Amino acid sequence: MSVILILIITSIIVALLFLGAFYWAVKSGQYDDTYSPSVRMLFEEKKSKKSKSETHGV
């Protein structure tokens, strides 16, 4: 019976830690940008230019 009580208390503590981390992320603005992820796939990625030594293996 004492093992179950320890597991319940531990799970409540872990759940409160995750709730606190989520609250901190929301308050610090982690989820503020909701527009750009939806249109990011519409823009082409810029290709980097490689120098001649990289393309010819010299």
PDB file of N, CA and C in Angstrom:
ATOM      1  N   MET A   1       0.819  -1.202   0.000  1.00  0.00           N
ATOM      2  CA  MET A   1       0.000   0.000   0.000  1.00  0.00           C
ATOM      3  C   MET A   1       0.858   1.260   0.000  1.00  0.00           C
ATOM      4  N   SER A   2       1.986   1.216   0.676  1.00  0.00           N
ATOM      5  CA  SER A   2       2.841   2.396   0.727  1.00  0.00           C
ATOM      6  C   SER A   2       3.499   2.676  -0.630  1.00  0.00           C
ATOM      7  N   VAL A   3       3.718   1.623  -1.442  1.00  0.00           N
ATOM      8  CA  VAL A   3       4.308   1.816  -2.763  1.00  0.00           C
ATOM      9  C   VAL A   3       3.343   2.581  -3.660  1.00  0.00           C
ATOM     10  N   ILE A   4       2.077   2.262  -3.575  1.00  0.00           N
ATOM     11  CA  ILE A   4       1.070   2.961  -4.372  1.00  0.00           C
ATOM     12  C   ILE A   4       1.010   4.431  -3.977  1.00  0.00           C
ATOM     13  N   LEU A   5       1.086   4.707  -2.714  1.00  0.00           N
ATOM     14  CA  LEU A   5       1.065   6.093  -2.238  1.00  0.00           C
ATOM     15  C   LEU A   5       2.290   6.857  -2.742  1.00  0.00           C
ATOM     16  N   ILE A   6       3.446   6.220  -2.723  1.00  0.00           N
ATOM     17  CA  ILE A   6       4.661   6.864  -3.228  1.00  0.00           C
ATOM     18  C   ILE A   6       4.535   7.130  -4.724  1.00  0.00           C
ATOM     19  N   LEU A   7       3.988   6.184  -5.490  1.00  0.00           N
ATOM     20  CA  LEU A   7       3.820   6.368  -6.923  1.00  0.00           C
ATOM     21  C   LEU A   7       2.822   7.481  -7.239  1.00  0.00           C
ATOM     22  N   ILE A   8       1.763   7.565  -6.492  1.00  0.00           N
ATOM     23  CA  ILE A   8       0.769   8.621  -6.711  1.00  0.00           C
ATOM     24  C   ILE A   8       1.377   9.991  -6.420  1.00  0.00           C
ATOM     25  N   ILE A   9       2.089  10.119  -5.338  1.00  0.00           N
ATOM     26  CA  ILE A   9       2.710  11.395  -4.988  1.00  0.00           C
ATOM     27  C   ILE A   9       3.762  11.782  -6.029  1.00  0.00           C
ATOM     28  N   THR A  10       4.558  10.810  -6.455  1.00  0.00           N
ATOM     29  CA  THR A  10       5.575  11.076  -7.473  1.00  0.00           C
ATOM     30  C   THR A  10       4.938  11.504  -8.787  1.00  0.00           C
ATOM     31  N   SER A  11       3.867  10.843  -9.187  1.00  0.00           N
ATOM     32  CA  SER A  11       3.211  11.209 -10.446  1.00  0.00           C
ATOM     33  C   SER A  11       2.582  12.596 -10.365  1.00  0.00           C
ATOM     34  N   ILE A  12       2.056  12.964  -9.224  1.00  0.00           N
ATOM     35  CA  ILE A  12       1.494  14.306  -9.060  1.00  0.00           C
ATOM     36  C   ILE A  12       2.603  15.360  -9.133  1.00  0.00           C
ATOM     37  N   ILE A  13       3.744  15.076  -8.541  1.00  0.00           N
ATOM     38  CA  ILE A  13       4.862  16.015  -8.591  1.00  0.00           C
ATOM     39  C   ILE A  13       5.360  16.181 -10.021  1.00  0.00           C
ATOM     40  N   VAL A  14       5.490  15.064 -10.765  1.00  0.00           N
ATOM     41  CA  VAL A  14       5.937  15.137 -12.151  1.00  0.00           C
ATOM     42  C   VAL A  14       4.920  15.902 -13.003  1.00  0.00           C
ATOM     43  N   ALA A  15       3.626  15.651 -12.780  1.00  0.00           N
ATOM     44  CA  ALA A  15       2.591  16.359 -13.534  1.00  0.00           C
ATOM     45  C   ALA A  15       2.642  17.855 -13.242  1.00  0.00           C
ATOM     46  N   LEU A  16       2.872  18.235 -12.014  1.00  0.00           N
ATOM     47  CA  LEU A  16       2.987  19.657 -11.670  1.00  0.00           C
ATOM     48  C   LEU A  16       4.225  20.295 -12.294  1.00  0.00           C
ATOM     49  N   LEU A  17       5.315  19.533 -12.388  1.00  0.00           N
ATOM     50  CA  LEU A  17       6.515  20.052 -13.053  1.00  0.00           C
ATOM     51  C   LEU A  17       6.243  20.296 -14.539  1.00  0.00           C
ATOM     52  N   PHE A  18       5.568  19.364 -15.213  1.00  0.00           N
ATOM     53  CA  PHE A  18       5.239  19.563 -16.624  1.00  0.00           C
ATOM     54  C   PHE A  18       4.253  20.706 -16.813  1.00  0.00           C
ATOM     55  N   LEU A  19       3.311  20.856 -15.916  1.00  0.00           N
ATOM     56  CA  LEU A  19       2.370  21.961 -15.987  1.00  0.00           C
ATOM     57  C   LEU A  19       3.096  23.291 -15.804  1.00  0.00           C
ATOM     58  N   GLY A  20       4.045  23.333 -14.885  1.00  0.00           N
ATOM     59  CA  GLY A  20       4.838  24.541 -14.677  1.00  0.00           C
ATOM     60  C   GLY A  20       5.691  24.874 -15.892  1.00  0.00           C
ATOM     61  N   ALA A  21       6.273  23.857 -16.531  1.00  0.00           N
ATOM     62  CA  ALA A  21       7.077  24.095 -17.734  1.00  0.00           C
ATOM     63  C   ALA A  21       6.203  24.597 -18.873  1.00  0.00           C
ATOM     64  N   PHE A  22       5.010  24.055 -19.011  1.00  0.00           N
ATOM     65  CA  PHE A  22       4.095  24.514 -20.048  1.00  0.00           C
ATOM     66  C   PHE A  22       3.659  25.956 -19.787  1.00  0.00           C
ATOM     67  N   TYR A  23       3.339  26.276 -18.546  1.00  0.00           N
ATOM     68  CA  TYR A  23       2.943  27.634 -18.172  1.00  0.00           C
ATOM     69  C   TYR A  23       4.081  28.617 -18.456  1.00  0.00           C
ATOM     70  N   TRP A  24       5.313  28.238 -18.135  1.00  0.00           N
ATOM     71  CA  TRP A  24       6.468  29.090 -18.398  1.00  0.00           C
ATOM     72  C   TRP A  24       6.637  29.307 -19.901  1.00  0.00           C
ATOM     73  N   ALA A  25       6.458  28.242 -20.707  1.00  0.00           N
ATOM     74  CA  ALA A  25       6.614  28.366 -22.161  1.00  0.00           C
ATOM     75  C   ALA A  25       5.561  29.295 -22.748  1.00  0.00           C
ATOM     76  N   VAL A  26       4.342  29.218 -22.261  1.00  0.00           N
ATOM     77  CA  VAL A  26       3.289  30.099 -22.759  1.00  0.00           C
ATOM     78  C   VAL A  26       3.565  31.543 -22.355  1.00  0.00           C
ATOM     79  N   LYS A  27       3.976  31.749 -21.120  1.00  0.00           N
ATOM     80  CA  LYS A  27       4.241  33.105 -20.642  1.00  0.00           C
ATOM     81  C   LYS A  27       5.457  33.735 -21.311  1.00  0.00           C
ATOM     82  N   SER A  28       6.430  32.920 -21.724  1.00  0.00           N
ATOM     83  CA  SER A  28       7.635  33.477 -22.343  1.00  0.00           C
ATOM     84  C   SER A  28       7.483  33.657 -23.845  1.00  0.00           C
ATOM     85  N   GLY A  29       6.329  33.308 -24.412  1.00  0.00           N
ATOM     86  CA  GLY A  29       6.065  33.580 -25.811  1.00  0.00           C
ATOM     87  C   GLY A  29       6.470  32.485 -26.773  1.00  0.00           C
ATOM     88  N   GLN A  30       6.611  31.281 -26.323  1.00  0.00           N
ATOM     89  CA  GLN A  30       7.022  30.192 -27.205  1.00  0.00           C
ATOM     90  C   GLN A  30       5.965  29.868 -28.258  1.00  0.00           C
ATOM     91  N   TYR A  31       4.712  30.137 -27.978  1.00  0.00           N
ATOM     92  CA  TYR A  31       3.621  29.768 -28.875  1.00  0.00           C
ATOM     93  C   TYR A  31       2.939  30.978 -29.503  1.00  0.00           C
ATOM     94  N   ASP A  32       3.625  32.105 -29.582  1.00  0.00           N
ATOM     95  CA  ASP A  32       3.011  33.320 -30.104  1.00  0.00           C
ATOM     96  C   ASP A  32       2.866  33.330 -31.618  1.00  0.00           C
ATOM     97  N   ASP A  33       3.807  32.760 -32.345  1.00  0.00           N
ATOM     98  CA  ASP A  33       3.795  32.826 -33.800  1.00  0.00           C
ATOM     99  C   ASP A  33       2.924  31.709 -34.368  1.00  0.00           C
ATOM    100  N   THR A  34       1.728  32.052 -34.802  1.00  0.00           N
ATOM    101  CA  THR A  34       0.829  31.035 -35.354  1.00  0.00           C
ATOM    102  C   THR A  34       0.664  31.168 -36.856  1.00  0.00           C
ATOM    103  N   TYR A  35       1.172  32.246 -37.458  1.00  0.00           N
ATOM    104  CA  TYR A  35       0.961  32.465 -38.886  1.00  0.00           C
ATOM    105  C   TYR A  35       2.075  31.887 -39.752  1.00  0.00           C
ATOM    106  N   SER A  36       3.323  32.163 -39.422  1.00  0.00           N
ATOM    107  CA  SER A  36       4.419  31.791 -40.325  1.00  0.00           C
ATOM    108  C   SER A  36       4.588  30.290 -40.531  1.00  0.00           C
ATOM    109  N   PRO A  37       4.331  29.413 -39.554  1.00  0.00           N
ATOM    110  CA  PRO A  37       4.452  27.990 -39.862  1.00  0.00           C
ATOM    111  C   PRO A  37       3.469  27.517 -40.927  1.00  0.00           C
ATOM    112  N   SER A  38       2.331  28.149 -41.033  1.00  0.00           N
ATOM    113  CA  SER A  38       1.348  27.709 -42.015  1.00  0.00           C
ATOM    114  C   SER A  38       1.712  28.127 -43.435  1.00  0.00           C
ATOM    115  N   VAL A  39       2.520  29.167 -43.595  1.00  0.00           N
ATOM    116  CA  VAL A  39       2.902  29.619 -44.934  1.00  0.00           C
ATOM    117  C   VAL A  39       4.364  29.333 -45.250  1.00  0.00           C
ATOM    118  N   ARG A  40       5.095  28.746 -44.343  1.00  0.00           N
ATOM    119  CA  ARG A  40       6.509  28.474 -44.562  1.00  0.00           C
ATOM    120  C   ARG A  40       6.721  27.515 -45.729  1.00  0.00           C
ATOM    121  N   MET A  41       5.807  26.572 -45.926  1.00  0.00           N
ATOM    122  CA  MET A  41       5.961  25.605 -47.006  1.00  0.00           C
ATOM    123  C   MET A  41       5.762  26.232 -48.381  1.00  0.00           C
ATOM    124  N   LEU A  42       5.216  27.435 -48.460  1.00  0.00           N
ATOM    125  CA  LEU A  42       4.984  28.084 -49.734  1.00  0.00           C
ATOM    126  C   LEU A  42       6.224  28.768 -50.295  1.00  0.00           C
ATOM    127  N   PHE A  43       7.219  29.015 -49.463  1.00  0.00           N
ATOM    128  CA  PHE A  43       8.425  29.712 -49.884  1.00  0.00           C
ATOM    129  C   PHE A  43       9.524  28.716 -50.209  1.00  0.00           C
ATOM    130  N   GLU A  44      10.288  29.024 -51.258  1.00  0.00           N
ATOM    131  CA  GLU A  44      11.397  28.157 -51.639  1.00  0.00           C
ATOM    132  C   GLU A  44      12.587  28.412 -50.730  1.00  0.00           C
ATOM    133  N   GLU A  45      13.345  27.355 -50.491  1.00  0.00           N
ATOM    134  CA  GLU A  45      14.556  27.507 -49.702  1.00  0.00           C
ATOM    135  C   GLU A  45      15.662  28.063 -50.590  1.00  0.00           C
ATOM    136  N   LYS A  46      16.480  28.914 -50.020  1.00  0.00           N
ATOM    137  CA  LYS A  46      17.595  29.467 -50.769  1.00  0.00           C
ATOM    138  C   LYS A  46      18.718  28.439 -50.805  1.00  0.00           C
ATOM    139  N   LYS A  47      19.206  28.162 -52.000  1.00  0.00           N
ATOM    140  CA  LYS A  47      20.296  27.206 -52.158  1.00  0.00           C
ATOM    141  C   LYS A  47      21.615  27.929 -51.953  1.00  0.00           C
ATOM    142  N   SER A  48      22.506  27.299 -51.199  1.00  0.00           N
ATOM    143  CA  SER A  48      23.803  27.920 -50.952  1.00  0.00           C
ATOM    144  C   SER A  48      24.722  27.660 -52.135  1.00  0.00           C
ATOM    145  N   LYS A  49      25.521  28.659 -52.461  1.00  0.00           N
ATOM    146  CA  LYS A  49      26.468  28.534 -53.558  1.00  0.00           C
ATOM    147  C   LYS A  49      27.742  27.898 -53.026  1.00  0.00           C
ATOM    148  N   LYS A  50      28.169  26.844 -53.705  1.00  0.00           N
ATOM    149  CA  LYS A  50      29.393  26.176 -53.289  1.00  0.00           C
ATOM    150  C   LYS A  50      30.551  26.693 -54.137  1.00  0.00           C
ATOM    151  N   SER A  51      31.725  26.745 -53.540  1.00  0.00           N
ATOM    152  CA  SER A  51      32.895  27.190 -54.286  1.00  0.00           C
ATOM    153  C   SER A  51      33.365  26.075 -55.222  1.00  0.00           C
ATOM    154  N   LYS A  52      34.230  26.408 -56.151  1.00  0.00           N
ATOM    155  CA  LYS A  52      34.712  25.424 -57.123  1.00  0.00           C
ATOM    156  C   LYS A  52      35.480  24.301 -56.439  1.00  0.00           C
ATOM    157  N   SER A  53      36.191  24.591 -55.363  1.00  0.00           N
ATOM    158  CA  SER A  53      36.965  23.560 -54.695  1.00  0.00           C
ATOM    159  C   SER A  53      36.055  22.525 -54.030  1.00  0.00           C
ATOM    160  N   GLU A  54      34.884  22.928 -53.589  1.00  0.00           N
ATOM    161  CA  GLU A  54      33.957  21.993 -52.976  1.00  0.00           C
ATOM    162  C   GLU A  54      33.274  21.120 -54.007  1.00  0.00           C
ATOM    163  N   THR A  55      32.964  21.675 -55.188  1.00  0.00           N
ATOM    164  CA  THR A  55      32.247  20.913 -56.194  1.00  0.00           C
ATOM    165  C   THR A  55      33.154  19.987 -56.979  1.00  0.00           C
ATOM    166  N   HIS A  56      34.432  20.323 -57.120  1.00  0.00           N
ATOM    167  CA  HIS A  56      35.350  19.498 -57.899  1.00  0.00           C
ATOM    168  C   HIS A  56      36.197  18.579 -57.027  1.00  0.00           C
ATOM    169  N   GLY A  57      36.080  18.687 -55.739  1.00  0.00           N
ATOM    170  CA  GLY A  57      36.809  17.799 -54.837  1.00  0.00           C
ATOM    171  C   GLY A  57      38.282  18.104 -54.720  1.00  0.00           C
ATOM    172  N   VAL A  58      38.694  19.305 -54.997  1.00  0.00           N
ATOM    173  CA  VAL A  58      40.100  19.684 -54.928  1.00  0.00           C
ATOM    174  C   VAL A  58      40.439  20.176 -53.556  1.00  0.00           C
TER     175      VAL A  58
END
